[in-house]
Amino acid sequence: MRRLPRILVATQFGPNAFGGGPAIIRQALKEYEPSQIGWWSCSQDVSAAFGFRAGFEAGYRIPKKLYPYRRAVAPKGLILEKLWSPLASASLEKAIGRWQPDLLWVIPHMWSILPIASYFRRQQGVLPYHVTMQDYMDMEANVPMLGRARGKRLSTLANELYARASSRDATSREMLEDLHGVTGQLGAQMLHLGLENDDFSYIETRPSETTSDPIRVAYAGTIQVPEVFHSVMKVFESINAKSAKPRIAVDFFGVHSYAGQTWFRQQWMREHGNKHESDLRSELRECSIGFAPMALNDDTRYNRFSFPTKFISYLAAGLPVLAVGHPESSVVRMARACDTGLCWQSPDVEAMEQPLTSWLSSEKLKSRYSENILACARSYFDAAQMRSRLYDCFKNSSRIFPFDVPDSDLVGRVAPATTTQ
């Protein structure tokens, strides 16, 4: 095994946190020994839900009652910015002193941006760091927690961290291009959740599929675009109402429960709770298709630049994807270019009922799209390749360079964007 630098991950979430962002980091560190990983966050783990271990953990937790969400956002945010952030920055500096990493891996997310940016402004050039940009903080979904003005300030600070990093990557090709335009810096690659060798083998060799009755639609993660989600659920309900028994069942996977919502239909909706990544993969394989909604209006900061992990989770399970969203959204562009399922790009969601019914009636949907799913995953979501490029970035950026790893000419390249017809 090649020698790897001692790192400290610095971000908002802990190593065993729920969600797509933490899952990406855990998979990326698959070849690391826990003894080489330190982790600093604003929300230290209280459990080991995913079994991820780090040799060192530290952080400065945001008090639960002080965390802004919808109520008193402005005053709570001001307290965090003026009082909590300096203390958190001191905590990060202390953690670095104790762990003595060769490199920091910074994921600029939410409130962690303030203390991390403050540390590097004081200690500029002292310690090399790699940045992975996963989301923009000024997207609409963050307004209830950050406020619009503070969201823009945090986004500007995140861009500064990206620009000054020793090496960098981002969650989508569109984000890489945008950040290059804003900061003048090239990213190494699109770093996201990926397919492992056994995922590729499963799709290539899985047994003949049987017809599912009802058709099981997987939905993994949080509902980020409720308007689009609810519109599609109404279409499902209309399709089900035309049969003696439901033709469609929706399977929810994730930490949030929706069973108490007025739109939840016990007859054809089921919750499975949050799953370990391997268990989620196994259960998704039992479903028929995956559902990946984005906003139908051009919510640029989310639609064009974020890339929900659920899309890759569906590919890894060999599921065709029902992608609904604005034509310029990252997921729809990818799904359309790779032909991984049905894409719906019109704001008139009700008109989707007939083509969706026809599509779902097709025989052996999984087999029909398996070659396209494999080609898409190998081109953009090969976990082993992404890890190799990331570790090359770590090696080239680390303060203990040179390593006994050949230089890679991949660092500094931006993956080409999908062209829109």
Protein backbone atom coordinates (compact mmCIF):
# COMPACT_ATOMS: atom_id res chain seq x y z
CA MET A 1 0.00 0.00 0.00
CA ARG A 2 1.34 3.42 -0.90
CA ARG A 3 2.36 5.85 1.80
CA LEU A 4 -0.25 8.52 2.51
CA PRO A 5 0.07 11.81 4.39
CA ARG A 6 -1.34 12.32 7.85
CA ILE A 7 -4.46 14.47 7.41
CA LEU A 8 -6.95 16.44 9.46
CA VAL A 9 -10.45 16.78 7.99
CA ALA A 10 -11.97 20.15 8.91
CA THR A 11 -15.68 20.69 8.26
CA GLN A 12 -19.15 21.14 9.72
CA PHE A 13 -20.10 17.47 10.16
CA GLY A 14 -18.57 14.61 12.11
CA PRO A 15 -17.11 11.43 10.57
CA ASN A 16 -20.25 9.34 11.16
CA ALA A 17 -22.77 12.00 10.21
CA PHE A 18 -25.79 11.23 8.03
CA GLY A 19 -26.15 12.53 4.49
CA GLY A 20 -24.46 12.45 1.11
CA GLY A 21 -21.59 14.82 1.94
CA PRO A 22 -20.20 12.74 4.82
CA ALA A 23 -20.70 9.53 2.79
CA ILE A 24 -18.47 10.95 0.04
CA ILE A 25 -15.66 11.70 2.50
CA ARG A 26 -15.88 8.27 4.14
CA GLN A 27 -15.66 6.51 0.79
CA ALA A 28 -12.77 8.71 -0.33
CA LEU A 29 -10.78 7.70 2.78
CA LYS A 30 -11.37 3.99 2.26
CA GLU A 31 -7.66 3.22 1.77
CA TYR A 32 -6.57 5.24 4.80
CA GLU A 33 -5.60 3.72 8.12
CA PRO A 34 -7.62 5.33 10.95
CA SER A 35 -4.34 6.18 12.66
CA GLN A 36 -3.57 8.61 9.80
CA ILE A 37 -6.93 10.44 9.98
CA GLY A 38 -7.79 13.32 12.30
CA TRP A 39 -11.18 15.03 12.23
CA TRP A 40 -12.29 18.45 13.47
CA SER A 41 -15.92 19.54 13.20
CA CYS A 42 -18.64 21.79 14.59
CA SER A 43 -20.76 18.80 15.55
CA GLN A 44 -18.67 16.02 17.02
CA ASP A 45 -20.12 12.54 16.59
CA VAL A 46 -22.22 11.12 19.39
CA SER A 47 -22.36 7.70 17.72
CA ALA A 48 -20.47 5.49 15.30
CA ALA A 49 -23.49 4.87 13.06
CA PHE A 50 -21.43 4.04 9.99
CA GLY A 51 -18.48 2.46 11.75
CA PHE A 52 -16.00 5.06 10.54
CA ARG A 53 -13.01 5.49 12.83
CA ALA A 54 -10.51 8.32 13.04
CA GLY A 55 -7.31 8.35 15.06
CA PHE A 56 -8.13 11.76 16.49
CA GLU A 57 -11.38 13.69 16.87
CA ALA A 58 -11.90 17.23 18.10
CA GLY A 59 -14.26 20.09 17.51
CA TYR A 60 -16.28 22.94 18.90
CA ARG A 61 -19.96 22.12 18.94
CA ILE A 62 -22.60 24.72 18.16
CA PRO A 63 -25.07 24.75 21.10
CA LYS A 64 -28.37 23.24 19.95
CA LYS A 65 -30.46 26.16 21.19
CA LEU A 66 -28.18 28.59 19.41
CA TYR A 67 -28.38 26.92 16.00
CA PRO A 68 -30.38 29.23 13.70
CA TYR A 69 -33.33 27.78 11.82
CA ARG A 70 -36.21 30.01 10.67
CA ARG A 71 -36.67 31.66 14.10
CA ALA A 72 -34.29 34.38 15.31
CA VAL A 73 -31.89 33.63 12.45
CA ALA A 74 -30.31 37.11 12.44
CA PRO A 75 -29.47 37.44 16.18
CA LYS A 76 -28.40 33.80 16.53
CA GLY A 77 -26.24 34.11 13.44
CA LEU A 78 -24.64 37.26 14.82
CA ILE A 79 -23.78 35.47 18.08
CA LEU A 80 -22.24 32.58 16.18
CA GLU A 81 -20.25 34.92 13.98
CA LYS A 82 -18.97 37.22 16.72
CA LEU A 83 -18.69 34.94 19.77
CA TRP A 84 -18.74 31.27 18.77
CA SER A 85 -16.55 31.53 15.65
CA PRO A 86 -13.38 32.91 17.38
CA LEU A 87 -13.62 30.17 20.01
CA ALA A 88 -14.14 27.53 17.32
CA SER A 89 -11.15 28.85 15.38
CA ALA A 90 -9.00 28.59 18.51
CA SER A 91 -10.26 25.01 18.93
CA LEU A 92 -9.19 24.20 15.35
CA GLU A 93 -5.75 25.69 15.95
CA LYS A 94 -5.38 23.64 19.13
CA ALA A 95 -6.45 20.46 17.30
CA ILE A 96 -3.87 21.09 14.57
CA GLY A 97 -1.19 21.57 17.22
CA ARG A 98 -2.13 18.31 18.93
CA TRP A 99 -2.55 16.18 15.79
CA GLN A 100 0.31 17.68 13.75
CA PRO A 101 -1.12 16.79 10.33
CA ASP A 102 0.86 16.95 7.10
CA LEU A 103 -2.19 18.37 5.36
CA LEU A 104 -5.68 19.70 6.12
CA TRP A 105 -8.65 18.50 4.10
CA VAL A 106 -11.18 21.34 4.20
CA ILE A 107 -14.83 20.86 3.23
CA PRO A 108 -16.31 24.40 3.48
CA HIS A 109 -19.81 23.79 4.76
CA MET A 110 -22.23 25.99 6.72
CA TRP A 111 -20.88 27.56 9.94
CA SER A 112 -17.55 25.75 9.84
CA ILE A 113 -16.47 28.17 7.12
CA LEU A 114 -16.11 31.03 9.63
CA PRO A 115 -13.55 29.45 12.00
CA ILE A 116 -11.66 27.70 9.18
CA ALA A 117 -11.33 30.92 7.16
CA SER A 118 -10.29 32.79 10.30
CA TYR A 119 -7.57 30.24 11.05
CA PHE A 120 -6.04 30.45 7.57
CA ARG A 121 -6.13 34.24 7.59
CA ARG A 122 -4.02 34.18 10.76
CA GLN A 123 -1.79 31.30 9.71
CA GLN A 124 -1.55 31.87 5.96
CA GLY A 125 1.00 29.58 4.32
CA VAL A 126 1.85 27.67 7.50
CA LEU A 127 -0.03 24.47 6.63
CA PRO A 128 -1.01 23.22 3.15
CA TYR A 129 -4.62 22.26 2.61
CA HIS A 130 -6.89 20.63 0.04
CA VAL A 131 -10.44 21.94 -0.49
CA THR A 132 -13.48 19.94 -1.61
CA MET A 133 -16.45 22.17 -2.47
CA GLN A 134 -19.72 20.27 -2.11
CA ASP A 135 -22.43 22.97 -2.09
CA TYR A 136 -22.75 26.72 -2.39
CA MET A 137 -23.87 28.34 0.84
CA ASP A 138 -25.97 31.01 -0.85
CA MET A 139 -28.41 28.56 -2.41
CA GLU A 140 -32.09 29.03 -1.48
CA ALA A 141 -32.27 25.96 0.77
CA ASN A 142 -29.80 27.59 3.19
CA VAL A 143 -31.64 30.91 3.58
CA PRO A 144 -33.77 29.70 6.56
CA MET A 145 -30.58 28.79 8.46
CA LEU A 146 -28.12 31.46 7.37
CA GLY A 147 -30.12 34.38 6.08
CA ARG A 148 -29.53 35.63 2.55
CA ALA A 149 -26.77 38.16 3.28
CA ARG A 150 -24.77 35.85 5.53
CA GLY A 151 -25.15 33.01 3.03
CA LYS A 152 -23.49 35.21 0.41
CA ARG A 153 -20.69 36.14 2.83
CA LEU A 154 -20.02 32.50 3.67
CA SER A 155 -20.02 31.66 -0.03
CA THR A 156 -17.41 34.38 -0.62
CA LEU A 157 -15.24 33.03 2.22
CA ALA A 158 -15.56 29.49 0.81
CA ASN A 159 -14.41 30.79 -2.57
CA GLU A 160 -11.38 32.39 -0.90
CA LEU A 161 -10.51 29.08 0.76
CA TYR A 162 -10.83 27.36 -2.61
CA ALA A 163 -8.65 29.93 -4.36
CA ARG A 164 -5.83 29.79 -1.79
CA ALA A 165 -5.77 26.02 -1.35
CA SER A 166 -2.76 23.93 -2.33
CA SER A 167 -5.13 21.72 -4.36
CA ARG A 168 -8.88 21.54 -4.87
CA ASP A 169 -11.88 19.71 -6.33
CA ALA A 170 -15.68 20.08 -6.40
CA THR A 171 -18.90 18.11 -6.53
CA SER A 172 -19.91 18.67 -10.16
CA ARG A 173 -18.35 19.57 -13.49
CA GLU A 174 -20.49 22.70 -13.61
CA MET A 175 -19.21 23.80 -10.20
CA LEU A 176 -15.61 23.22 -11.29
CA GLU A 177 -16.15 25.48 -14.29
CA ASP A 178 -17.92 28.14 -12.22
CA LEU A 179 -15.21 28.18 -9.55
CA HIS A 180 -12.54 28.41 -12.22
CA GLY A 181 -14.28 31.50 -13.58
CA VAL A 182 -14.67 33.07 -10.12
CA THR A 183 -11.28 32.19 -8.58
CA GLY A 184 -9.06 31.60 -11.60
CA GLN A 185 -8.06 28.22 -10.12
CA LEU A 186 -8.46 24.84 -11.83
CA GLY A 187 -9.87 21.92 -9.86
CA ALA A 188 -8.36 18.44 -10.07
CA GLN A 189 -11.59 16.50 -10.62
CA MET A 190 -15.25 16.08 -9.85
CA LEU A 191 -15.17 14.30 -6.48
CA HIS A 192 -18.39 12.56 -5.58
CA LEU A 193 -19.76 9.26 -4.30
CA GLY A 194 -18.62 6.52 -6.65
CA LEU A 195 -19.10 2.93 -7.66
CA GLU A 196 -16.68 0.34 -6.30
CA ASN A 197 -15.53 -2.72 -8.26
CA ASP A 198 -18.22 -4.94 -6.76
CA ASP A 199 -20.90 -2.42 -7.83
CA PHE A 200 -19.69 -2.60 -11.42
CA SER A 201 -19.60 -6.41 -11.21
CA TYR A 202 -23.14 -6.54 -9.85
CA ILE A 203 -24.57 -4.50 -12.72
CA GLU A 204 -22.67 -6.58 -15.28
CA THR A 205 -23.61 -9.99 -13.85
CA ARG A 206 -26.86 -9.56 -11.92
CA PRO A 207 -29.52 -12.27 -12.44
CA SER A 208 -32.41 -11.80 -14.83
CA GLU A 209 -34.88 -9.29 -13.46
CA THR A 210 -38.43 -10.18 -12.59
CA THR A 211 -41.44 -7.92 -13.01
CA SER A 212 -42.12 -5.95 -9.83
CA ASP A 213 -45.74 -5.54 -8.79
CA PRO A 214 -46.10 -2.83 -7.73
CA ILE A 215 -43.25 -0.91 -9.37
CA ARG A 216 -40.97 0.15 -6.51
CA VAL A 217 -39.68 3.72 -6.75
CA ALA A 218 -36.72 4.47 -4.47
CA TYR A 219 -36.26 7.88 -2.89
CA ALA A 220 -33.00 8.25 -0.96
CA GLY A 221 -32.22 11.22 1.27
CA THR A 222 -33.87 14.50 2.21
CA ILE A 223 -36.63 16.18 0.23
CA GLN A 224 -34.80 19.31 -0.98
CA VAL A 225 -37.34 20.52 -3.57
CA PRO A 226 -40.77 19.91 -1.99
CA GLU A 227 -42.80 21.55 -4.76
CA VAL A 228 -41.42 19.25 -7.45
CA PHE A 229 -41.51 16.23 -5.15
CA HIS A 230 -45.17 16.77 -4.25
CA SER A 231 -46.13 17.33 -7.89
CA VAL A 232 -44.62 13.99 -8.87
CA MET A 233 -46.32 12.25 -5.94
CA LYS A 234 -49.64 13.57 -7.28
CA VAL A 235 -48.86 12.00 -10.64
CA PHE A 236 -48.09 8.69 -8.90
CA GLU A 237 -51.37 8.97 -7.00
CA SER A 238 -53.29 9.57 -10.23
CA ILE A 239 -51.70 6.51 -11.83
CA ASN A 240 -52.51 4.38 -8.78
CA ALA A 241 -56.12 5.60 -8.69
CA LYS A 242 -56.71 4.10 -12.15
CA SER A 243 -55.94 0.55 -10.96
CA ALA A 244 -57.67 -1.80 -8.54
CA LYS A 245 -54.44 -1.89 -6.52
CA PRO A 246 -51.47 0.51 -6.56
CA ARG A 247 -49.16 0.16 -9.56
CA ILE A 248 -46.48 2.29 -7.90
CA ALA A 249 -44.97 2.05 -4.41
CA VAL A 250 -42.50 4.60 -3.06
CA ASP A 251 -39.71 3.44 -0.73
CA PHE A 252 -38.09 6.15 1.41
CA PHE A 253 -34.53 5.76 2.70
CA GLY A 254 -33.00 8.37 5.00
CA VAL A 255 -32.82 9.92 8.42
CA HIS A 256 -35.99 12.01 8.03
CA SER A 257 -39.47 10.58 8.60
CA TYR A 258 -42.34 11.77 6.41
CA ALA A 259 -45.05 9.40 7.61
CA GLY A 260 -46.81 12.20 9.51
CA GLN A 261 -47.11 14.47 6.47
CA THR A 262 -50.52 15.06 4.90
CA TRP A 263 -49.29 13.84 1.50
CA PHE A 264 -47.97 10.52 2.85
CA ARG A 265 -50.05 7.52 1.65
CA GLN A 266 -49.71 4.49 3.92
CA GLN A 267 -51.14 2.21 1.25
CA TRP A 268 -48.27 2.70 -1.19
CA MET A 269 -45.51 4.57 0.66
CA ARG A 270 -43.02 2.91 3.01
CA GLU A 271 -40.20 4.22 5.18
CA HIS A 272 -37.04 2.18 5.73
CA GLY A 273 -35.08 4.64 7.88
CA ASN A 274 -31.40 5.47 7.60
CA LYS A 275 -29.11 2.69 6.44
CA HIS A 276 -25.41 1.95 6.43
CA GLU A 277 -24.07 2.54 2.91
CA SER A 278 -23.73 -1.19 2.16
CA ASP A 279 -27.23 -1.98 3.48
CA LEU A 280 -28.70 0.91 1.51
CA ARG A 281 -27.08 -0.42 -1.67
CA SER A 282 -28.55 -3.89 -1.07
CA GLU A 283 -32.05 -2.57 -0.43
CA LEU A 284 -31.96 -0.20 -3.39
CA ARG A 285 -31.17 -3.17 -5.63
CA GLU A 286 -34.60 -4.58 -4.73
CA CYS A 287 -36.33 -1.47 -6.12
CA SER A 288 -37.34 -0.86 -9.73
CA ILE A 289 -36.24 2.74 -10.39
CA GLY A 290 -34.77 5.71 -8.51
CA PHE A 291 -36.36 9.17 -8.29
CA ALA A 292 -34.06 12.24 -8.48
CA PRO A 293 -35.90 15.60 -8.44
CA MET A 294 -34.34 19.03 -8.87
CA ALA A 295 -36.08 22.43 -8.95
CA LEU A 296 -38.06 23.12 -12.13
CA ASN A 297 -37.37 26.85 -11.92
CA ASP A 298 -33.81 27.89 -12.61
CA ASP A 299 -32.59 27.94 -8.99
CA THR A 300 -29.04 28.36 -10.28
CA ARG A 301 -27.00 27.99 -7.09
CA TYR A 302 -28.60 24.61 -6.31
CA ASN A 303 -29.79 23.33 -9.68
CA ARG A 304 -26.73 24.00 -11.78
CA PHE A 305 -23.94 23.38 -9.32
CA SER A 306 -25.02 20.89 -6.63
CA PHE A 307 -25.20 17.21 -7.50
CA PRO A 308 -27.33 15.10 -5.12
CA THR A 309 -25.71 11.86 -4.00
CA LYS A 310 -28.93 9.92 -4.54
CA PHE A 311 -28.32 9.87 -8.31
CA ILE A 312 -25.05 7.95 -7.87
CA SER A 313 -26.63 5.67 -5.25
CA TYR A 314 -29.23 4.68 -7.83
CA LEU A 315 -26.58 4.03 -10.48
CA ALA A 316 -24.60 1.87 -8.03
CA ALA A 317 -27.73 -0.23 -7.45
CA GLY A 318 -28.26 -0.57 -11.20
CA LEU A 319 -31.50 1.43 -11.15
CA PRO A 320 -32.82 3.46 -14.07
CA VAL A 321 -33.43 7.03 -12.91
CA LEU A 322 -36.54 9.19 -13.16
CA ALA A 323 -34.89 12.63 -13.28
CA VAL A 324 -37.21 15.64 -12.98
CA GLY A 325 -35.95 19.22 -13.07
CA HIS A 326 -34.93 22.28 -15.02
CA PRO A 327 -33.11 21.44 -18.29
CA GLU A 328 -29.93 23.16 -17.01
CA SER A 329 -29.86 21.36 -13.65
CA SER A 330 -26.78 19.20 -13.11
CA VAL A 331 -28.69 15.94 -12.61
CA VAL A 332 -30.97 16.38 -15.62
CA ARG A 333 -28.02 17.28 -17.84
CA MET A 334 -26.14 14.17 -16.72
CA ALA A 335 -29.18 11.88 -16.98
CA ARG A 336 -30.06 13.25 -20.41
CA ALA A 337 -26.52 13.00 -21.79
CA CYS A 338 -25.99 9.46 -20.46
CA ASP A 339 -29.58 8.26 -21.08
CA THR A 340 -29.94 6.64 -17.65
CA GLY A 341 -33.75 6.72 -17.61
CA LEU A 342 -36.67 9.08 -18.11
CA CYS A 343 -35.98 12.83 -17.98
CA TRP A 344 -38.83 15.30 -17.44
CA GLN A 345 -37.85 18.93 -17.97
CA SER A 346 -41.21 20.70 -18.37
CA PRO A 347 -42.82 22.75 -15.55
CA ASP A 348 -46.09 21.00 -16.46
CA VAL A 349 -45.54 17.96 -14.25
CA GLU A 350 -49.13 16.72 -14.66
CA ALA A 351 -48.44 16.14 -18.36
CA MET A 352 -45.83 13.56 -17.29
CA GLU A 353 -48.49 10.99 -16.38
CA GLN A 354 -48.95 9.41 -19.82
CA PRO A 355 -45.26 9.15 -20.84
CA LEU A 356 -44.38 7.96 -17.32
CA THR A 357 -47.07 5.27 -17.41
CA SER A 358 -45.81 4.11 -20.79
CA TRP A 359 -42.19 4.11 -19.60
CA LEU A 360 -42.99 2.14 -16.46
CA SER A 361 -44.87 -0.40 -18.56
CA SER A 362 -41.70 -1.20 -20.53
CA GLU A 363 -40.31 -4.67 -19.98
CA LYS A 364 -36.99 -5.15 -18.15
CA LEU A 365 -36.18 -1.51 -17.50
CA LYS A 366 -33.01 -2.37 -15.60
CA SER A 367 -31.64 -4.46 -18.46
CA ARG A 368 -32.60 -1.78 -20.96
CA TYR A 369 -30.46 0.86 -19.24
CA SER A 370 -27.69 -1.27 -17.73
CA GLU A 371 -25.10 -0.47 -20.44
CA ASN A 372 -25.81 3.27 -20.19
CA ILE A 373 -25.62 3.14 -16.39
CA LEU A 374 -22.26 1.37 -16.57
CA ALA A 375 -20.88 3.80 -19.14
CA CYS A 376 -22.01 6.82 -17.09
CA ALA A 377 -20.58 5.41 -13.87
CA ARG A 378 -17.24 4.45 -15.42
CA SER A 379 -16.85 7.86 -17.03
CA TYR A 380 -17.76 10.01 -14.04
CA PHE A 381 -18.20 7.99 -10.83
CA ASP A 382 -15.42 5.41 -10.60
CA ALA A 383 -14.57 5.43 -6.89
CA ALA A 384 -11.10 3.93 -7.29
CA GLN A 385 -10.10 6.52 -9.89
CA MET A 386 -11.44 9.39 -7.79
CA ARG A 387 -9.53 8.17 -4.73
CA SER A 388 -6.32 7.87 -6.74
CA ARG A 389 -6.61 11.44 -8.04
CA LEU A 390 -7.48 12.73 -4.57
CA TYR A 391 -4.46 11.01 -3.01
CA ASP A 392 -2.26 12.46 -5.74
CA CYS A 393 -3.54 15.89 -4.68
CA PHE A 394 -2.74 15.08 -1.06
CA LYS A 395 0.72 13.90 -2.02
CA ASN A 396 1.53 16.91 -4.18
CA SER A 397 0.18 19.35 -1.59
CA SER A 398 1.59 17.79 1.56
CA ARG A 399 4.42 19.44 3.47
CA ILE A 400 6.32 16.12 3.55
CA PHE A 401 6.60 15.90 -0.26
CA PRO A 402 8.11 14.00 -2.04
CA PHE A 403 6.33 10.70 -1.53
CA ASP A 404 7.03 7.34 -3.02
CA VAL A 405 4.10 7.74 -5.41
CA PRO A 406 4.55 8.60 -9.10
CA ASP A 407 3.47 12.09 -10.04
CA SER A 408 0.08 12.25 -11.74
CA ASP A 409 -0.67 14.51 -14.64
CA LEU A 410 -4.33 14.50 -13.61
CA VAL A 411 -4.04 17.18 -10.97
CA GLY A 412 -5.13 20.55 -12.30
CA ARG A 413 -7.47 19.32 -14.98
CA VAL A 414 -11.18 20.11 -15.13
CA ALA A 415 -13.49 17.48 -16.56
CA PRO A 416 -15.27 18.69 -19.72
CA ALA A 417 -18.82 19.91 -19.34
CA THR A 418 -21.78 18.23 -20.91
CA THR A 419 -23.02 20.22 -23.88
CA THR A 420 -26.67 21.16 -23.92
CA GLN A 421 -28.56 20.58 -27.10
